C-alpha atoms as a PDB file:
ATOM      1  CA  UNK A   1      96.201 136.353  33.446  1.00  0.00           C
ATOM      2  CA  UNK A   2      96.281 139.685  34.722  1.00  0.00           C
ATOM      3  CA  UNK A   3     100.047 141.234  35.426  1.00  0.00           C
ATOM      4  CA  UNK A   4     100.922 143.696  37.744  1.00  0.00           C
ATOM      5  CA  UNK A   5     103.993 145.713  37.941  1.00  0.00           C
ATOM      6  CA  UNK A   6     106.815 145.027  40.874  1.00  0.00           C
ATOM      7  CA  UNK A   7     109.873 145.555  42.015  1.00  0.00           C
ATOM      8  CA  UNK A   8     112.654 144.681  43.542  1.00  0.00           C
ATOM      9  CA  UNK A   9     111.587 147.396  46.459  1.00  0.00           C
ATOM     10  CA  UNK A  10     108.632 146.140  47.125  1.00  0.00           C
ATOM     11  CA  UNK A  11     110.029 142.821  49.147  1.00  0.00           C
ATOM     12  CA  UNK A  12     112.935 144.351  50.585  1.00  0.00           C
ATOM     13  CA  UNK A  13     114.876 147.374  51.545  1.00  0.00           C
ATOM     14  CA  UNK A  14     118.497 145.980  51.407  1.00  0.00           C
ATOM     15  CA  UNK A  15     120.420 147.539  48.485  1.00  0.00           C
ATOM     16  CA  UNK A  16     124.210 147.276  47.045  1.00  0.00           C
ATOM     17  CA  UNK A  17     127.388 149.260  45.341  1.00  0.00           C
ATOM     18  CA  UNK A  18     130.450 147.847  43.514  1.00  0.00           C
ATOM     19  CA  UNK A  19     134.086 148.429  43.633  1.00  0.00           C
ATOM     20  CA  UNK A  20     136.448 146.676  42.181  1.00  0.00           C
ATOM     21  CA  UNK A  21     140.163 145.988  42.531  1.00  0.00           C
ATOM     22  CA  UNK A  22     142.963 144.307  41.326  1.00  0.00           C
ATOM     23  CA  UNK A  23     146.430 144.198  41.366  1.00  0.00           C
ATOM     24  CA  UNK A  24     149.668 143.603  39.005  1.00  0.00           C
ATOM     25  CA  UNK A  25     149.987 139.876  40.085  1.00  0.00           C
ATOM     26  CA  UNK A  26     146.709 139.494  39.221  1.00  0.00           C
ATOM     27  CA  UNK A  27     143.430 138.745  42.188  1.00  0.00           C
ATOM     28  CA  UNK A  28     140.924 141.226  40.971  1.00  0.00           C
ATOM     29  CA  UNK A  29     138.663 141.451  43.902  1.00  0.00           C
ATOM     30  CA  UNK A  30     134.800 143.416  44.473  1.00  0.00           C
ATOM     31  CA  UNK A  31     133.189 144.401  47.015  1.00  0.00           C
ATOM     32  CA  UNK A  32     129.526 144.375  47.698  1.00  0.00           C
ATOM     33  CA  UNK A  33     128.422 146.843  50.206  1.00  0.00           C
ATOM     34  CA  UNK A  34     124.977 145.609  51.518  1.00  0.00           C
ATOM     35  CA  UNK A  35     122.826 148.498  53.803  1.00  0.00           C
ATOM     36  CA  UNK A  36     119.705 148.703  54.892  1.00  0.00           C
ATOM     37  CA  UNK A  37     117.681 146.607  57.479  1.00  0.00           C
ATOM     38  CA  UNK A  38     117.806 142.852  57.724  1.00  0.00           C
ATOM     39  CA  UNK A  39     114.737 141.107  59.420  1.00  0.00           C
ATOM     40  CA  UNK A  40     114.860 138.546  62.464  1.00  0.00           C
ATOM     41  CA  UNK A  41     114.468 135.320  61.682  1.00  0.00           C
ATOM     42  CA  UNK A  42     112.723 134.101  58.994  1.00  0.00           C
ATOM     43  CA  UNK A  43     111.183 137.676  58.070  1.00  0.00           C
ATOM     44  CA  UNK A  44     114.514 138.151  56.767  1.00  0.00           C
ATOM     45  CA  UNK A  45     114.283 135.654  53.983  1.00  0.00           C
ATOM     46  CA  UNK A  46     113.501 138.049  51.030  1.00  0.00           C
ATOM     47  CA  UNK A  47     116.334 140.319  52.467  1.00  0.00           C
ATOM     48  CA  UNK A  48     119.152 137.169  52.064  1.00  0.00           C
ATOM     49  CA  UNK A  49     117.223 137.004  48.315  1.00  0.00           C
ATOM     50  CA  UNK A  50     117.620 140.440  47.420  1.00  0.00           C
ATOM     51  CA  UNK A  51     121.254 140.176  48.964  1.00  0.00           C
ATOM     52  CA  UNK A  52     122.286 136.969  46.646  1.00  0.00           C
ATOM     53  CA  UNK A  53     120.073 139.088  43.778  1.00  0.00           C
ATOM     54  CA  UNK A  54     122.714 141.359  44.192  1.00  0.00           C
ATOM     55  CA  UNK A  55     125.875 139.625  44.736  1.00  0.00           C
ATOM     56  CA  UNK A  56     125.192 137.142  41.755  1.00  0.00           C
ATOM     57  CA  UNK A  57     124.714 140.303  39.325  1.00  0.00           C
ATOM     58  CA  UNK A  58     128.262 141.351  40.583  1.00  0.00           C
ATOM     59  CA  UNK A  59     129.706 137.607  39.962  1.00  0.00           C
ATOM     60  CA  UNK A  60     128.226 138.041  36.506  1.00  0.00           C
ATOM     61  CA  UNK A  61     128.919 141.213  35.424  1.00  0.00           C
ATOM     62  CA  UNK A  62     132.755 141.320  37.192  1.00  0.00           C
ATOM     63  CA  UNK A  63     133.865 138.359  37.457  1.00  0.00           C
ATOM     64  CA  UNK A  64     136.434 138.394  40.706  1.00  0.00           C
ATOM     65  CA  UNK A  65     139.333 135.912  42.057  1.00  0.00           C
ATOM     66  CA  UNK A  66     137.916 137.255  45.304  1.00  0.00           C
ATOM     67  CA  UNK A  67     134.549 138.668  47.405  1.00  0.00           C
ATOM     68  CA  UNK A  68     134.459 141.702  50.287  1.00  0.00           C
ATOM     69  CA  UNK A  69     130.878 141.123  51.320  1.00  0.00           C
ATOM     70  CA  UNK A  70     130.855 144.855  53.268  1.00  0.00           C
ATOM     71  CA  UNK A  71     127.866 144.719  56.034  1.00  0.00           C
ATOM     72  CA  UNK A  72     129.466 147.981  58.046  1.00  0.00           C
ATOM     73  CA  UNK A  73     126.783 149.482  56.782  1.00  0.00           C
ATOM     74  CA  UNK A  74     123.998 146.558  57.359  1.00  0.00           C
ATOM     75  CA  UNK A  75     121.591 146.762  60.297  1.00  0.00           C
ATOM     76  CA  UNK A  76     121.532 142.924  61.436  1.00  0.00           C
ATOM     77  CA  UNK A  77     121.046 140.731  64.328  1.00  0.00           C
ATOM     78  CA  UNK A  78     119.994 137.050  63.628  1.00  0.00           C
ATOM     79  CA  UNK A  79     118.718 135.011  61.082  1.00  0.00           C
ATOM     80  CA  UNK A  80     120.133 131.935  58.882  1.00  0.00           C
ATOM     81  CA  UNK A  81     119.393 133.219  55.111  1.00  0.00           C
ATOM     82  CA  UNK A  82     122.271 134.621  55.527  1.00  0.00           C
ATOM     83  CA  UNK A  83     124.270 132.057  54.909  1.00  0.00           C
ATOM     84  CA  UNK A  84     122.872 131.514  51.518  1.00  0.00           C
ATOM     85  CA  UNK A  85     124.256 134.684  50.964  1.00  0.00           C
ATOM     86  CA  UNK A  86     128.035 133.611  51.687  1.00  0.00           C
ATOM     87  CA  UNK A  87     127.408 130.812  49.779  1.00  0.00           C
ATOM     88  CA  UNK A  88     126.222 132.976  46.330  1.00  0.00           C
ATOM     89  CA  UNK A  89     129.799 134.793  47.187  1.00  0.00           C
ATOM     90  CA  UNK A  90     131.631 131.974  47.553  1.00  0.00           C
ATOM     91  CA  UNK A  91     130.450 129.888  44.472  1.00  0.00           C
ATOM     92  CA  UNK A  92     128.354 131.694  42.399  1.00  0.00           C
ATOM     93  CA  UNK A  93     129.039 132.935  38.703  1.00  0.00           C
ATOM     94  CA  UNK A  94     131.610 130.616  36.816  1.00  0.00           C
ATOM     95  CA  UNK A  95     133.756 130.110  39.722  1.00  0.00           C
ATOM     96  CA  UNK A  96     135.262 125.802  39.158  1.00  0.00           C
ATOM     97  CA  UNK A  97     135.790 125.922  42.794  1.00  0.00           C
ATOM     98  CA  UNK A  98     134.885 128.313  45.978  1.00  0.00           C
ATOM     99  CA  UNK A  99     136.315 131.653  45.777  1.00  0.00           C
ATOM    100  CA  UNK A 100     138.076 133.298  49.103  1.00  0.00           C
ATOM    101  CA  UNK A 101     135.174 135.340  50.793  1.00  0.00           C
ATOM    102  CA  UNK A 102     135.770 137.926  53.730  1.00  0.00           C
ATOM    103  CA  UNK A 103     132.884 139.978  55.349  1.00  0.00           C
ATOM    104  CA  UNK A 104     133.036 143.552  56.900  1.00  0.00           C
ATOM    105  CA  UNK A 105     130.802 144.154  59.926  1.00  0.00           C
ATOM    106  CA  UNK A 106     130.099 147.698  61.482  1.00  0.00           C
ATOM    107  CA  UNK A 107     128.774 148.752  64.754  1.00  0.00           C
ATOM    108  CA  UNK A 108     124.753 147.257  63.119  1.00  0.00           C
ATOM    109  CA  UNK A 109     125.983 143.747  62.273  1.00  0.00           C
ATOM    110  CA  UNK A 110     128.738 142.880  64.106  1.00  0.00           C
ATOM    111  CA  UNK A 111     127.217 140.960  67.013  1.00  0.00           C
ATOM    112  CA  UNK A 112     125.004 139.080  64.950  1.00  0.00           C
ATOM    113  CA  UNK A 113     127.633 137.925  62.271  1.00  0.00           C
ATOM    114  CA  UNK A 114     129.594 136.869  65.142  1.00  0.00           C
ATOM    115  CA  UNK A 115     127.609 134.259  66.057  1.00  0.00           C
ATOM    116  CA  UNK A 116     127.336 133.073  62.280  1.00  0.00           C
ATOM    117  CA  UNK A 117     130.737 133.595  61.190  1.00  0.00           C
ATOM    118  CA  UNK A 118     134.271 132.141  61.380  1.00  0.00           C
ATOM    119  CA  UNK A 119     136.407 134.947  63.376  1.00  0.00           C
ATOM    120  CA  UNK A 120     138.543 134.493  60.474  1.00  0.00           C
ATOM    121  CA  UNK A 121     136.220 135.720  57.872  1.00  0.00           C
ATOM    122  CA  UNK A 122     134.989 138.471  59.664  1.00  0.00           C
ATOM    123  CA  UNK A 123     136.955 142.231  59.935  1.00  0.00           C
ATOM    124  CA  UNK A 124     136.887 145.620  61.150  1.00  0.00           C
ATOM    125  CA  UNK A 125     138.253 147.738  57.785  1.00  0.00           C
ATOM    126  CA  UNK A 126     137.683 146.958  54.393  1.00  0.00           C
ATOM    127  CA  UNK A 127     141.108 147.651  53.229  1.00  0.00           C
ATOM    128  CA  UNK A 128     142.058 144.621  55.927  1.00  0.00           C
ATOM    129  CA  UNK A 129     139.089 142.589  54.174  1.00  0.00           C
ATOM    130  CA  UNK A 130     140.401 143.075  50.640  1.00  0.00           C
ATOM    131  CA  UNK A 131     143.922 142.613  51.212  1.00  0.00           C
ATOM    132  CA  UNK A 132     143.201 138.869  53.016  1.00  0.00           C
ATOM    133  CA  UNK A 133     140.851 137.762  49.825  1.00  0.00           C
ATOM    134  CA  UNK A 134     143.347 139.038  47.439  1.00  0.00           C
ATOM    135  CA  UNK A 135     146.360 137.173  48.353  1.00  0.00           C
ATOM    136  CA  UNK A 136     144.314 133.812  49.406  1.00  0.00           C
ATOM    137  CA  UNK A 137     142.916 134.014  45.705  1.00  0.00           C
ATOM    138  CA  UNK A 138     147.051 134.278  44.463  1.00  0.00           C
ATOM    139  CA  UNK A 139     147.855 131.877  46.714  1.00  0.00           C
ATOM    140  CA  UNK A 140     145.126 129.450  45.281  1.00  0.00           C
ATOM    141  CA  UNK A 141     146.128 130.784  41.580  1.00  0.00           C
ATOM    142  CA  UNK A 142     149.628 129.557  42.332  1.00  0.00           C
ATOM    143  CA  UNK A 143     149.021 125.757  44.111  1.00  0.00           C
ATOM    144  CA  UNK A 144     146.066 125.291  41.532  1.00  0.00           C
ATOM    145  CA  UNK A 145     148.894 126.326  38.666  1.00  0.00           C
ATOM    146  CA  UNK A 146     151.096 122.996  40.009  1.00  0.00           C
ATOM    147  CA  UNK A 147     148.485 121.276  40.799  1.00  0.00           C
ATOM    148  CA  UNK A 148     146.982 121.193  37.249  1.00  0.00           C
ATOM    149  CA  UNK A 149     150.698 119.693  36.046  1.00  0.00           C
ATOM    150  CA  UNK A 150     150.762 117.057  37.657  1.00  0.00           C
ATOM    151  CA  UNK A 151     146.868 115.916  37.475  1.00  0.00           C
ATOM    152  CA  UNK A 152     146.308 112.333  36.306  1.00  0.00           C
ATOM    153  CA  UNK A 153     142.865 110.051  35.506  1.00  0.00           C
ATOM    154  CA  UNK A 154     143.132 106.446  36.332  1.00  0.00           C
ATOM    155  CA  UNK A 155     140.331 104.114  34.419  1.00  0.00           C
ATOM    156  CA  UNK A 156     140.063 100.901  35.500  1.00  0.00           C
ATOM    157  CA  UNK A 157     138.450  98.505  33.376  1.00  0.00           C
ATOM    158  CA  UNK A 158     137.596  94.920  34.298  1.00  0.00           C
ATOM    159  CA  UNK A 159     139.481  92.506  32.727  1.00  0.00           C
ATOM    160  CA  UNK A 160     136.694  89.903  30.965  1.00  0.00           C
ATOM    161  CA  UNK A 161     136.730  92.561  28.376  1.00  0.00           C
ATOM    162  CA  UNK A 162     138.043  92.046  24.719  1.00  0.00           C
ATOM    163  CA  UNK A 163     140.627  94.765  23.830  1.00  0.00           C
ATOM    164  CA  UNK A 164     138.301  96.073  21.756  1.00  0.00           C
ATOM    165  CA  UNK A 165     135.608  96.757  24.123  1.00  0.00           C
ATOM    166  CA  UNK A 166     138.291  97.876  26.328  1.00  0.00           C
ATOM    167  CA  UNK A 167     139.843 100.633  24.332  1.00  0.00           C
ATOM    168  CA  UNK A 168     135.977 102.288  23.254  1.00  0.00           C
ATOM    169  CA  UNK A 169     135.111 102.430  27.472  1.00  0.00           C
ATOM    170  CA  UNK A 170     138.296 103.835  27.796  1.00  0.00           C
ATOM    171  CA  UNK A 171     137.606 106.892  25.281  1.00  0.00           C
ATOM    172  CA  UNK A 172     134.425 107.318  27.152  1.00  0.00           C
ATOM    173  CA  UNK A 173     135.218 107.092  29.967  1.00  0.00           C
ATOM    174  CA  UNK A 174     136.566 111.028  31.242  1.00  0.00           C
ATOM    175  CA  UNK A 175     132.722 111.913  29.422  1.00  0.00           C
ATOM    176  CA  UNK A 176     131.088 109.359  31.285  1.00  0.00           C
ATOM    177  CA  UNK A 177     132.558 110.799  34.917  1.00  0.00           C
ATOM    178  CA  UNK A 178     131.872 114.524  34.988  1.00  0.00           C
ATOM    179  CA  UNK A 179     128.205 113.661  33.110  1.00  0.00           C
ATOM    180  CA  UNK A 180     127.703 112.370  36.729  1.00  0.00           C
ATOM    181  CA  UNK A 181     130.229 113.930  38.566  1.00  0.00           C
ATOM    182  CA  UNK A 182     130.073 117.678  37.145  1.00  0.00           C
ATOM    183  CA  UNK A 183     131.311 119.831  38.859  1.00  0.00           C
ATOM    184  CA  UNK A 184     134.659 118.830  39.821  1.00  0.00           C
ATOM    185  CA  UNK A 185     136.928 121.535  38.639  1.00  0.00           C
ATOM    186  CA  UNK A 186     140.174 118.938  38.347  1.00  0.00           C
ATOM    187  CA  UNK A 187     139.072 116.499  35.977  1.00  0.00           C
ATOM    188  CA  UNK A 188     137.443 119.712  33.669  1.00  0.00           C
ATOM    189  CA  UNK A 189     141.026 120.888  34.185  1.00  0.00           C
ATOM    190  CA  UNK A 190     142.103 118.005  33.507  1.00  0.00           C
ATOM    191  CA  UNK A 191     140.460 117.730  30.066  1.00  0.00           C
ATOM    192  CA  UNK A 192     140.684 120.713  29.038  1.00  0.00           C
ATOM    193  CA  UNK A 193     144.419 120.560  29.770  1.00  0.00           C
ATOM    194  CA  UNK A 194     144.628 116.949  27.609  1.00  0.00           C
ATOM    195  CA  UNK A 195     145.976 115.199  30.880  1.00  0.00           C
ATOM    196  CA  UNK A 196     147.637 112.473  31.344  1.00  0.00           C
ATOM    197  CA  UNK A 197     145.660 109.039  32.074  1.00  0.00           C
ATOM    198  CA  UNK A 198     146.642 105.810  33.727  1.00  0.00           C
ATOM    199  CA  UNK A 199     144.440 102.260  32.432  1.00  0.00           C
ATOM    200  CA  UNK A 200     144.551  99.221  34.685  1.00  0.00           C
ATOM    201  CA  UNK A 201     142.762  96.225  34.339  1.00  0.00           C
ATOM    202  CA  UNK A 202     141.383  94.642  37.419  1.00  0.00           C
ATOM    203  CA  UNK A 203     139.204  91.382  38.287  1.00  0.00           C
ATOM    204  CA  UNK A 204     135.531  92.347  40.205  1.00  0.00           C
ATOM    205  CA  UNK A 205     136.814  91.669  43.530  1.00  0.00           C
ATOM    206  CA  UNK A 206     139.678  94.826  42.788  1.00  0.00           C
ATOM    207  CA  UNK A 207     137.048  96.906  41.186  1.00  0.00           C
ATOM    208  CA  UNK A 208     134.896  97.335  44.041  1.00  0.00           C
ATOM    209  CA  UNK A 209     138.315  98.004  46.363  1.00  0.00           C
ATOM    210  CA  UNK A 210     138.944 100.857  43.793  1.00  0.00           C
ATOM    211  CA  UNK A 211     135.232 101.788  44.396  1.00  0.00           C
ATOM    212  CA  UNK A 212     135.885 103.371  47.616  1.00  0.00           C
ATOM    213  CA  UNK A 213     138.366 105.850  46.427  1.00  0.00           C
ATOM    214  CA  UNK A 214     135.967 109.153  45.905  1.00  0.00           C
ATOM    215  CA  UNK A 215     135.753 110.894  43.758  1.00  0.00           C
ATOM    216  CA  UNK A 216     135.076 107.878  41.294  1.00  0.00           C
ATOM    217  CA  UNK A 217     132.112 106.844  38.856  1.00  0.00           C
ATOM    218  CA  UNK A 218     131.129 103.122  38.342  1.00  0.00           C
ATOM    219  CA  UNK A 219     130.490 102.747  35.054  1.00  0.00           C
ATOM    220  CA  UNK A 220     127.862  98.885  35.192  1.00  0.00           C
ATOM    221  CA  UNK A 221     127.388  96.772  33.044  1.00  0.00           C
ATOM    222  CA  UNK A 222     123.927  97.218  30.976  1.00  0.00           C
ATOM    223  CA  UNK A 223     123.514  93.414  31.063  1.00  0.00           C
ATOM    224  CA  UNK A 224     124.064  93.270  34.757  1.00  0.00           C
ATOM    225  CA  UNK A 225     123.893  96.085  36.803  1.00  0.00           C
ATOM    226  CA  UNK A 226     125.742  94.770  39.686  1.00  0.00           C
ATOM    227  CA  UNK A 227     128.667  93.782  37.791  1.00  0.00           C
ATOM    228  CA  UNK A 228     131.150  96.904  36.682  1.00  0.00           C
ATOM    229  CA  UNK A 229     132.435  97.164  33.752  1.00  0.00           C
ATOM    230  CA  UNK A 230     134.781 100.212  35.087  1.00  0.00           C
ATOM    231  CA  UNK A 231     135.821 102.469  37.656  1.00  0.00           C
ATOM    232  CA  UNK A 232     136.944 106.428  37.111  1.00  0.00           C
ATOM    233  CA  UNK A 233     139.065 107.733  39.492  1.00  0.00           C
ATOM    234  CA  UNK A 234     138.089 111.725  39.151  1.00  0.00           C
ATOM    235  CA  UNK A 235     141.709 113.495  38.225  1.00  0.00           C
ATOM    236  CA  UNK A 236     143.948 114.045  41.121  1.00  0.00           C
ATOM    237  CA  UNK A 237     147.970 113.940  41.936  1.00  0.00           C
ATOM    238  CA  UNK A 238     148.580 111.059  43.244  1.00  0.00           C
ATOM    239  CA  UNK A 239     147.203 107.536  42.117  1.00  0.00           C
ATOM    240  CA  UNK A 240     145.627 104.717  45.563  1.00  0.00           C
ATOM    241  CA  UNK A 241     148.293 102.500  45.572  1.00  0.00           C
ATOM    242  CA  UNK A 242     145.937  99.600  45.010  1.00  0.00           C
ATOM    243  CA  UNK A 243     145.458 101.263  41.473  1.00  0.00           C
ATOM    244  CA  UNK A 244     149.267 101.924  40.617  1.00  0.00           C
ATOM    245  CA  UNK A 245     149.965  97.564  42.017  1.00  0.00           C
ATOM    246  CA  UNK A 246     147.007  96.742  38.856  1.00  0.00           C
ATOM    247  CA  UNK A 247     148.894  95.194  35.910  1.00  0.00           C
ATOM    248  CA  UNK A 248     148.313  98.049  32.787  1.00  0.00           C
ATOM    249  CA  UNK A 249     146.694  96.387  29.612  1.00  0.00           C
END
């Protein structure tokens, strides 16, 4: 195989500069300032991919609580590829839930971004964008801490299982849930923090009713896939009434 030298500049001329700022109360904000000409429509796909690469590199290195995409020096008229850039800023890196993102516009990008983004996400000044996402990040931290202290996982097991089989299933249930719903940050947090769990028993009909309360994972009976052995409700603050009313093991 013949190899040839390649470079990012071969596909797109979009460049990026980074700034990082923090506050005594927390809330690190990464500013990714992209500059250059974003080509119209599908022709801009390489420009979008390069911007995603810039954003993901910054997230991997600095792991901020919030991101400001400063596009004041970007020439942009139209093209859906930027949506992927916004998604990378919100969900890339090690975030368990989307982080706050704000976008700074300039004369060459304001019109195009106004047709693509919600008005609340757009700012004319970088300082205002930084203040907004930092405040949102801090508010989320407060709310998340409150929620984490109250998280409960509910495990509802079929009532005709033997006690030994039920105990074994209950012990494995959170792990099975996370294998099938790997991005549920509440249950990930619950597992790390060792949160509370409630265990209930139910008839097959009652299990079907519990399964309607997403997010859940239904653990099927290997000998009869149509009959669940248990339903695991991902960690939440309030257990549904249909589960609270069931008898305990």
